[in-house]
Structures are given as structure tokens and as C-alpha cells.
PDB file of N, CA and C in Angstrom:
ATOM      1  N   UNK A   1      17.846  62.049 -88.629  1.00  0.00           N
ATOM      2  CA  UNK A   1      17.905  63.510 -88.681  1.00  0.00           C
ATOM      3  C   UNK A   1      16.505  64.080 -88.484  1.00  0.00           C
ATOM      4  N   UNK A   2      16.501  65.340 -88.099  1.00  0.00           N
ATOM      5  CA  UNK A   2      15.216  66.011 -87.905  1.00  0.00           C
ATOM      6  C   UNK A   2      15.242  67.367 -88.580  1.00  0.00           C
ATOM      7  N   UNK A   3      14.085  67.941 -88.715  1.00  0.00           N
ATOM      8  CA  UNK A   3      13.920  69.259 -89.328  1.00  0.00           C
ATOM      9  C   UNK A   3      13.181  70.127 -88.324  1.00  0.00           C
ATOM     10  N   UNK A   4      13.595  71.387 -88.208  1.00  0.00           N
ATOM     11  CA  UNK A   4      12.953  72.307 -87.282  1.00  0.00           C
ATOM     12  C   UNK A   4      12.124  73.321 -88.064  1.00  0.00           C
ATOM     13  N   UNK A   5      10.897  73.517 -87.607  1.00  0.00           N
ATOM     14  CA  UNK A   5       9.999  74.491 -88.224  1.00  0.00           C
ATOM     15  C   UNK A   5       9.740  75.639 -87.259  1.00  0.00           C
ATOM     16  N   UNK A   6       9.716  76.855 -87.789  1.00  0.00           N
ATOM     17  CA  UNK A   6       9.353  78.052 -87.030  1.00  0.00           C
ATOM     18  C   UNK A   6       7.840  78.192 -87.075  1.00  0.00           C
ATOM     19  N   UNK A   7       7.218  78.500 -85.951  1.00  0.00           N
ATOM     20  CA  UNK A   7       5.777  78.715 -85.893  1.00  0.00           C
ATOM     21  C   UNK A   7       5.542  80.076 -85.230  1.00  0.00           C
ATOM     22  N   UNK A   8       5.004  81.010 -85.982  1.00  0.00           N
ATOM     23  CA  UNK A   8       4.789  82.362 -85.476  1.00  0.00           C
ATOM     24  C   UNK A   8       3.329  82.720 -85.346  1.00  0.00           C
ATOM     25  N   UNK A   9       3.078  83.866 -84.727  1.00  0.00           N
ATOM     26  CA  UNK A   9       1.739  84.411 -84.486  1.00  0.00           C
ATOM     27  C   UNK A   9       0.918  83.499 -83.571  1.00  0.00           C
ATOM     28  N   UNK A  10       1.613  82.892 -82.608  1.00  0.00           N
ATOM     29  CA  UNK A  10       0.928  82.002 -81.658  1.00  0.00           C
ATOM     30  C   UNK A  10       0.127  82.814 -80.649  1.00  0.00           C
ATOM     31  N   UNK A  11      -0.993  82.276 -80.179  1.00  0.00           N
ATOM     32  CA  UNK A  11      -1.728  82.934 -79.095  1.00  0.00           C
ATOM     33  C   UNK A  11      -0.840  82.986 -77.853  1.00  0.00           C
ATOM     34  N   UNK A  12      -0.980  84.047 -77.063  1.00  0.00           N
ATOM     35  CA  UNK A  12      -0.131  84.234 -75.882  1.00  0.00           C
ATOM     36  C   UNK A  12      -0.246  83.083 -74.888  1.00  0.00           C
ATOM     37  N   UNK A  13      -1.392  82.446 -74.825  1.00  0.00           N
ATOM     38  CA  UNK A  13      -1.600  81.361 -73.867  1.00  0.00           C
ATOM     39  C   UNK A  13      -1.224  79.980 -74.382  1.00  0.00           C
ATOM     40  N   UNK A  14      -0.690  79.884 -75.611  1.00  0.00           N
ATOM     41  CA  UNK A  14      -0.358  78.579 -76.192  1.00  0.00           C
ATOM     42  C   UNK A  14       0.780  77.924 -75.410  1.00  0.00           C
ATOM     43  N   UNK A  15       0.681  76.604 -75.266  1.00  0.00           N
ATOM     44  CA  UNK A  15       1.723  75.833 -74.589  1.00  0.00           C
ATOM     45  C   UNK A  15       2.448  74.960 -75.612  1.00  0.00           C
ATOM     46  N   UNK A  16       3.570  74.397 -75.191  1.00  0.00           N
ATOM     47  CA  UNK A  16       4.290  73.500 -76.100  1.00  0.00           C
ATOM     48  C   UNK A  16       3.456  72.256 -76.404  1.00  0.00           C
ATOM     49  N   UNK A  17       2.582  71.860 -75.459  1.00  0.00           N
ATOM     50  CA  UNK A  17       1.689  70.728 -75.697  1.00  0.00           C
ATOM     51  C   UNK A  17       0.639  71.073 -76.758  1.00  0.00           C
ATOM     52  N   UNK A  18       0.114  72.305 -76.720  1.00  0.00           N
ATOM     53  CA  UNK A  18      -0.840  72.754 -77.741  1.00  0.00           C
ATOM     54  C   UNK A  18      -0.190  72.728 -79.121  1.00  0.00           C
ATOM     55  N   UNK A  19       1.035  73.224 -79.173  1.00  0.00           N
ATOM     56  CA  UNK A  19       1.764  73.278 -80.437  1.00  0.00           C
ATOM     57  C   UNK A  19       2.016  71.869 -80.981  1.00  0.00           C
ATOM     58  N   UNK A  20       2.453  70.965 -80.118  1.00  0.00           N
ATOM     59  CA  UNK A  20       2.707  69.586 -80.542  1.00  0.00           C
ATOM     60  C   UNK A  20       1.424  68.919 -81.024  1.00  0.00           C
ATOM     61  N   UNK A  21       0.317  69.171 -80.334  1.00  0.00           N
ATOM     62  CA  UNK A  21      -0.964  68.563 -80.716  1.00  0.00           C
ATOM     63  C   UNK A  21      -1.406  69.028 -82.099  1.00  0.00           C
ATOM     64  N   UNK A  22      -1.177  70.297 -82.410  1.00  0.00           N
ATOM     65  CA  UNK A  22      -1.558  70.828 -83.719  1.00  0.00           C
ATOM     66  C   UNK A  22      -0.815  70.106 -84.841  1.00  0.00           C
ATOM     67  N   UNK A  23       0.480  69.861 -84.646  1.00  0.00           N
ATOM     68  CA  UNK A  23       1.280  69.204 -85.676  1.00  0.00           C
ATOM     69  C   UNK A  23       1.110  67.690 -85.669  1.00  0.00           C
ATOM     70  N   UNK A  24       0.735  67.112 -84.539  1.00  0.00           N
ATOM     71  CA  UNK A  24       0.594  65.659 -84.428  1.00  0.00           C
ATOM     72  C   UNK A  24      -0.469  65.113 -85.382  1.00  0.00           C
ATOM     73  N   UNK A  25      -1.392  65.964 -85.803  1.00  0.00           N
ATOM     74  CA  UNK A  25      -2.409  65.547 -86.774  1.00  0.00           C
ATOM     75  C   UNK A  25      -1.781  65.255 -88.140  1.00  0.00           C
ATOM     76  N   UNK A  26      -0.574  65.799 -88.390  1.00  0.00           N
ATOM     77  CA  UNK A  26       0.036  65.726 -89.719  1.00  0.00           C
ATOM     78  C   UNK A  26       1.360  64.976 -89.766  1.00  0.00           C
ATOM     79  N   UNK A  27       2.040  64.847 -88.627  1.00  0.00           N
ATOM     80  CA  UNK A  27       3.355  64.211 -88.605  1.00  0.00           C
ATOM     81  C   UNK A  27       3.718  63.815 -87.183  1.00  0.00           C
ATOM     82  N   UNK A  28       4.752  63.000 -87.056  1.00  0.00           N
ATOM     83  CA  UNK A  28       5.250  62.650 -85.736  1.00  0.00           C
ATOM     84  C   UNK A  28       6.111  63.800 -85.217  1.00  0.00           C
ATOM     85  N   UNK A  29       5.787  64.272 -84.030  1.00  0.00           N
ATOM     86  CA  UNK A  29       6.495  65.397 -83.423  1.00  0.00           C
ATOM     87  C   UNK A  29       7.600  64.857 -82.519  1.00  0.00           C
ATOM     88  N   UNK A  30       8.831  65.334 -82.738  1.00  0.00           N
ATOM     89  CA  UNK A  30       9.960  64.941 -81.900  1.00  0.00           C
ATOM     90  C   UNK A  30      10.002  65.834 -80.659  1.00  0.00           C
ATOM     91  N   UNK A  31       9.846  67.150 -80.860  1.00  0.00           N
ATOM     92  CA  UNK A  31       9.815  68.080 -79.732  1.00  0.00           C
ATOM     93  C   UNK A  31       9.144  69.379 -80.155  1.00  0.00           C
ATOM     94  N   UNK A  32       8.732  70.146 -79.160  1.00  0.00           N
ATOM     95  CA  UNK A  32       8.155  71.466 -79.423  1.00  0.00           C
ATOM     96  C   UNK A  32       8.568  72.396 -78.298  1.00  0.00           C
ATOM     97  N   UNK A  33       8.678  73.674 -78.616  1.00  0.00           N
ATOM     98  CA  UNK A  33       8.992  74.653 -77.579  1.00  0.00           C
ATOM     99  C   UNK A  33       8.425  76.008 -77.951  1.00  0.00           C
ATOM    100  N   UNK A  34       8.002  76.726 -76.924  1.00  0.00           N
ATOM    101  CA  UNK A  34       7.518  78.098 -77.058  1.00  0.00           C
ATOM    102  C   UNK A  34       8.612  78.999 -76.498  1.00  0.00           C
ATOM    103  N   UNK A  35       8.964  80.024 -77.215  1.00  0.00           N
ATOM    104  CA  UNK A  35      10.006  80.946 -76.760  1.00  0.00           C
ATOM    105  C   UNK A  35       9.372  81.966 -75.809  1.00  0.00           C
ATOM    106  N   UNK A  36      10.013  82.124 -74.655  1.00  0.00           N
ATOM    107  CA  UNK A  36       9.472  83.023 -73.621  1.00  0.00           C
ATOM    108  C   UNK A  36      10.482  84.113 -73.269  1.00  0.00           C
ATOM    109  N   UNK A  37       9.953  85.179 -72.689  1.00  0.00           N
ATOM    110  CA  UNK A  37      10.786  86.285 -72.218  1.00  0.00           C
ATOM    111  C   UNK A  37      11.557  85.837 -70.987  1.00  0.00           C
ATOM    112  N   UNK A  38      12.859  86.071 -70.956  1.00  0.00           N
ATOM    113  CA  UNK A  38      13.591  85.752 -69.728  1.00  0.00           C
ATOM    114  C   UNK A  38      13.104  86.668 -68.601  1.00  0.00           C
ATOM    115  N   UNK A  39      12.997  86.162 -67.448  1.00  0.00           N
ATOM    116  CA  UNK A  39      12.550  86.976 -66.317  1.00  0.00           C
ATOM    117  C   UNK A  39      11.065  86.873 -66.062  1.00  0.00           C
ATOM    118  N   UNK A  40      10.246  87.102 -67.103  1.00  0.00           N
ATOM    119  CA  UNK A  40       8.792  87.069 -66.901  1.00  0.00           C
ATOM    120  C   UNK A  40       8.192  85.712 -67.260  1.00  0.00           C
ATOM    121  N   UNK A  41       8.839  84.988 -68.174  1.00  0.00           N
ATOM    122  CA  UNK A  41       8.305  83.711 -68.619  1.00  0.00           C
ATOM    123  C   UNK A  41       7.132  83.854 -69.576  1.00  0.00           C
ATOM    124  N   UNK A  42       6.804  85.089 -69.965  1.00  0.00           N
ATOM    125  CA  UNK A  42       5.683  85.342 -70.888  1.00  0.00           C
ATOM    126  C   UNK A  42       6.074  84.946 -72.316  1.00  0.00           C
ATOM    127  N   UNK A  43       5.143  84.342 -73.014  1.00  0.00           N
ATOM    128  CA  UNK A  43       5.369  83.914 -74.389  1.00  0.00           C
ATOM    129  C   UNK A  43       5.732  85.106 -75.270  1.00  0.00           C
ATOM    130  N   UNK A  44       6.652  84.875 -76.202  1.00  0.00           N
ATOM    131  CA  UNK A  44       7.009  85.903 -77.181  1.00  0.00           C
ATOM    132  C   UNK A  44       6.172  85.752 -78.455  1.00  0.00           C
ATOM    133  N   UNK A  45       5.253  84.776 -78.470  1.00  0.00           N
ATOM    134  CA  UNK A  45       4.346  84.628 -79.610  1.00  0.00           C
ATOM    135  C   UNK A  45       4.868  83.763 -80.737  1.00  0.00           C
ATOM    136  N   UNK A  46       5.987  83.072 -80.490  1.00  0.00           N
ATOM    137  CA  UNK A  46       6.478  82.144 -81.510  1.00  0.00           C
ATOM    138  C   UNK A  46       7.158  80.961 -80.843  1.00  0.00           C
ATOM    139  N   UNK A  47       7.377  79.932 -81.657  1.00  0.00           N
ATOM    140  CA  UNK A  47       7.999  78.729 -81.129  1.00  0.00           C
ATOM    141  C   UNK A  47       8.583  77.897 -82.251  1.00  0.00           C
ATOM    142  N   UNK A  48       9.032  76.706 -81.896  1.00  0.00           N
ATOM    143  CA  UNK A  48       9.646  75.805 -82.861  1.00  0.00           C
ATOM    144  C   UNK A  48       9.127  74.396 -82.636  1.00  0.00           C
ATOM    145  N   UNK A  49       9.030  73.665 -83.739  1.00  0.00           N
ATOM    146  CA  UNK A  49       8.582  72.284 -83.696  1.00  0.00           C
ATOM    147  C   UNK A  49       9.620  71.454 -84.443  1.00  0.00           C
ATOM    148  N   UNK A  50       9.996  70.329 -83.896  1.00  0.00           N
ATOM    149  CA  UNK A  50      10.993  69.471 -84.524  1.00  0.00           C
ATOM    150  C   UNK A  50      10.291  68.207 -85.010  1.00  0.00           C
ATOM    151  N   UNK A  51      10.490  67.908 -86.308  1.00  0.00           N
ATOM    152  CA  UNK A  51       9.860  66.743 -86.924  1.00  0.00           C
ATOM    153  C   UNK A  51      10.931  65.918 -87.638  1.00  0.00           C
ATOM    154  N   UNK A  52      10.582  64.698 -87.991  1.00  0.00           N
ATOM    155  CA  UNK A  52      11.476  63.820 -88.745  1.00  0.00           C
ATOM    156  C   UNK A  52      11.614  64.376 -90.161  1.00  0.00           C
ATOM    157  N   UNK A  53      12.852  64.540 -90.629  1.00  0.00           N
ATOM    158  CA  UNK A  53      13.024  65.119 -91.968  1.00  0.00           C
ATOM    159  C   UNK A  53      12.771  64.129 -93.093  1.00  0.00           C
ATOM    160  N   UNK A  54      12.414  62.890 -92.764  1.00  0.00           N
ATOM    161  CA  UNK A  54      12.018  61.942 -93.804  1.00  0.00           C
ATOM    162  C   UNK A  54      10.614  62.243 -94.313  1.00  0.00           C
ATOM    163  N   UNK A  55       9.886  63.040 -93.545  1.00  0.00           N
ATOM    164  CA  UNK A  55       8.540  63.441 -93.952  1.00  0.00           C
ATOM    165  C   UNK A  55       8.642  64.476 -95.074  1.00  0.00           C
ATOM    166  N   UNK A  56       7.547  64.719 -95.782  1.00  0.00           N
ATOM    167  CA  UNK A  56       7.492  65.777 -96.788  1.00  0.00           C
ATOM    168  C   UNK A  56       7.279  67.099 -96.045  1.00  0.00           C
ATOM    169  N   UNK A  57       8.377  67.751 -95.708  1.00  0.00           N
ATOM    170  CA  UNK A  57       8.347  68.955 -94.874  1.00  0.00           C
ATOM    171  C   UNK A  57       7.498  70.058 -95.505  1.00  0.00           C
ATOM    172  N   UNK A  58       7.655  70.286 -96.802  1.00  0.00           N
ATOM    173  CA  UNK A  58       6.895  71.352 -97.450  1.00  0.00           C
ATOM    174  C   UNK A  58       5.394  71.070 -97.416  1.00  0.00           C
ATOM    175  N   UNK A  59       5.016  69.817 -97.549  1.00  0.00           N
ATOM    176  CA  UNK A  59       3.595  69.447 -97.482  1.00  0.00           C
ATOM    177  C   UNK A  59       3.039  69.709 -96.083  1.00  0.00           C
ATOM    178  N   UNK A  60       3.812  69.397 -95.059  1.00  0.00           N
ATOM    179  CA  UNK A  60       3.371  69.661 -93.679  1.00  0.00           C
ATOM    180  C   UNK A  60       3.225  71.164 -93.453  1.00  0.00           C
ATOM    181  N   UNK A  61       4.187  71.943 -93.928  1.00  0.00           N
ATOM    182  CA  UNK A  61       4.101  73.404 -93.814  1.00  0.00           C
ATOM    183  C   UNK A  61       2.829  73.894 -94.487  1.00  0.00           C
ATOM    184  N   UNK A  62       2.556  73.423 -95.700  1.00  0.00           N
ATOM    185  CA  UNK A  62       1.360  73.845 -96.444  1.00  0.00           C
ATOM    186  C   UNK A  62       0.070  73.499 -95.701  1.00  0.00           C
ATOM    187  N   UNK A  63       0.051  72.345 -95.022  1.00  0.00           N
ATOM    188  CA  UNK A  63      -1.152  71.913 -94.321  1.00  0.00           C
ATOM    189  C   UNK A  63      -1.417  72.724 -93.062  1.00  0.00           C
ATOM    190  N   UNK A  64      -0.371  73.170 -92.377  1.00  0.00           N
ATOM    191  CA  UNK A  64      -0.543  73.825 -91.080  1.00  0.00           C
ATOM    192  C   UNK A  64      -0.473  75.351 -91.180  1.00  0.00           C
ATOM    193  N   UNK A  65       0.302  75.884 -92.120  1.00  0.00           N
ATOM    194  CA  UNK A  65       0.424  77.334 -92.278  1.00  0.00           C
ATOM    195  C   UNK A  65      -0.947  77.961 -92.526  1.00  0.00           C
ATOM    196  N   UNK A  66      -1.263  79.002 -91.753  1.00  0.00           N
ATOM    197  CA  UNK A  66      -2.541  79.694 -91.916  1.00  0.00           C
ATOM    198  C   UNK A  66      -3.678  79.112 -91.100  1.00  0.00           C
ATOM    199  N   UNK A  67      -3.445  77.984 -90.425  1.00  0.00           N
ATOM    200  CA  UNK A  67      -4.491  77.391 -89.575  1.00  0.00           C
ATOM    201  C   UNK A  67      -4.801  78.303 -88.398  1.00  0.00           C
ATOM    202  N   UNK A  68      -6.030  78.213 -87.914  1.00  0.00           N
ATOM    203  CA  UNK A  68      -6.444  78.981 -86.749  1.00  0.00           C
ATOM    204  C   UNK A  68      -6.006  78.252 -85.483  1.00  0.00           C
ATOM    205  N   UNK A  69      -5.377  79.006 -84.589  1.00  0.00           N
ATOM    206  CA  UNK A  69      -5.009  78.465 -83.278  1.00  0.00           C
ATOM    207  C   UNK A  69      -5.355  79.537 -82.262  1.00  0.00           C
ATOM    208  N   UNK A  70      -6.366  79.283 -81.477  1.00  0.00           N
ATOM    209  CA  UNK A  70      -6.768  80.247 -80.456  1.00  0.00           C
ATOM    210  C   UNK A  70      -7.179  81.595 -81.017  1.00  0.00           C
ATOM    211  N   UNK A  71      -7.771  81.598 -82.215  1.00  0.00           N
ATOM    212  CA  UNK A  71      -8.226  82.845 -82.826  1.00  0.00           C
ATOM    213  C   UNK A  71      -7.158  83.584 -83.619  1.00  0.00           C
ATOM    214  N   UNK A  72      -6.000  82.981 -83.761  1.00  0.00           N
ATOM    215  CA  UNK A  72      -4.922  83.612 -84.529  1.00  0.00           C
ATOM    216  C   UNK A  72      -4.503  82.692 -85.665  1.00  0.00           C
ATOM    217  N   UNK A  73      -4.186  83.297 -86.811  1.00  0.00           N
ATOM    218  CA  UNK A  73      -3.742  82.551 -87.979  1.00  0.00           C
ATOM    219  C   UNK A  73      -2.229  82.359 -87.873  1.00  0.00           C
ATOM    220  N   UNK A  74      -1.797  81.119 -87.643  1.00  0.00           N
ATOM    221  CA  UNK A  74      -0.370  80.888 -87.416  1.00  0.00           C
ATOM    222  C   UNK A  74       0.425  80.907 -88.720  1.00  0.00           C
ATOM    223  N   UNK A  75       1.713  81.185 -88.570  1.00  0.00           N
ATOM    224  CA  UNK A  75       2.652  81.234 -89.687  1.00  0.00           C
ATOM    225  C   UNK A  75       3.670  80.120 -89.472  1.00  0.00           C
ATOM    226  N   UNK A  76       3.883  79.306 -90.502  1.00  0.00           N
ATOM    227  CA  UNK A  76       4.827  78.192 -90.387  1.00  0.00           C
ATOM    228  C   UNK A  76       5.816  78.257 -91.548  1.00  0.00           C
ATOM    229  N   UNK A  77       7.116  78.207 -91.219  1.00  0.00           N
ATOM    230  CA  UNK A  77       8.177  78.142 -92.228  1.00  0.00           C
ATOM    231  C   UNK A  77       9.268  77.225 -91.704  1.00  0.00           C
ATOM    232  N   UNK A  78      10.154  76.867 -92.616  1.00  0.00           N
ATOM    233  CA  UNK A  78      11.327  76.119 -92.194  1.00  0.00           C
ATOM    234  C   UNK A  78      12.202  77.082 -91.386  1.00  0.00           C
ATOM    235  N   UNK A  79      12.681  76.641 -90.228  1.00  0.00           N
ATOM    236  CA  UNK A  79      13.497  77.500 -89.367  1.00  0.00           C
ATOM    237  C   UNK A  79      14.850  77.767 -90.026  1.00  0.00           C
ATOM    238  N   UNK A  80      15.329  78.981 -89.840  1.00  0.00           N
ATOM    239  CA  UNK A  80      16.659  79.342 -90.332  1.00  0.00           C
ATOM    240  C   UNK A  80      17.692  78.925 -89.291  1.00  0.00           C
ATOM    241  N   UNK A  81      18.903  78.624 -89.725  1.00  0.00           N
ATOM    242  CA  UNK A  81      19.938  78.250 -88.743  1.00  0.00           C
ATOM    243  C   UNK A  81      20.154  79.367 -87.736  1.00  0.00           C
ATOM    244  N   UNK A  82      20.440  78.980 -86.521  1.00  0.00           N
ATOM    245  CA  UNK A  82      20.659  79.937 -85.438  1.00  0.00           C
ATOM    246  C   UNK A  82      21.906  80.764 -85.719  1.00  0.00           C
ATOM    247  N   UNK A  83      21.801  82.082 -85.518  1.00  0.00           N
ATOM    248  CA  UNK A  83      22.946  82.971 -85.716  1.00  0.00           C
ATOM    249  C   UNK A  83      23.562  83.309 -84.371  1.00  0.00           C
ATOM    250  N   UNK A  84      24.868  83.230 -84.279  1.00  0.00           N
ATOM    251  CA  UNK A  84      25.561  83.571 -83.048  1.00  0.00           C
ATOM    252  C   UNK A  84      25.690  85.081 -82.940  1.00  0.00           C
ATOM    253  N   UNK A  85      25.431  85.601 -81.743  1.00  0.00           N
ATOM    254  CA  UNK A  85      25.588  87.028 -81.512  1.00  0.00           C
ATOM    255  C   UNK A  85      27.061  87.344 -81.330  1.00  0.00           C
ATOM    256  N   UNK A  86      27.507  88.435 -81.872  1.00  0.00           N
ATOM    257  CA  UNK A  86      28.908  88.844 -81.737  1.00  0.00           C
ATOM    258  C   UNK A  86      29.075  89.769 -80.566  1.00  0.00           C
TER     259      UNK A  86
END
């Protein structure tokens, strides 16, 4: 099983590789993605990182939350389940 973390306040130029590298210092990264605007492909300033849930997820959040990335203080929380639009 894996756990997904929300990462907000990302620099506009951040890539999924940048995001994975930031977390790789603390845990094994399964996948990473930056959410982009449809049509323009421009970053929306947040993304998700998937890690093994056997790790101490709260400890990883504590270590990375508030870190500087490209001059911005990132926000990290456990991702909420996806809600279906009606």
C-alpha cells in the first residue's frame, strides 16, 4: 500500500522531478505529480507525492513541511480522498 501527500505553495517552475528529489532525502518516492491547468499546462502551484505507507508518514510530513523550495515555504499534509463532482 501507499500513502499520498498533498504538497502546496510550490514554485511555478517546479517539476515532478524536483518534488520527488525533495522527498527522496526522507523516504522512498513511488511517484510524484504537479497539477497543471488544462489547456495551458501551467502549474497550479500544488502537487502530490506517493510514498510507502509503511514509513512514519507524520514524521516525513514534519520533516518536509515548511521547507524552502525555490524561495517558497511549501505546505505538506496527508492528501484527502478525491471527491467526485456531481
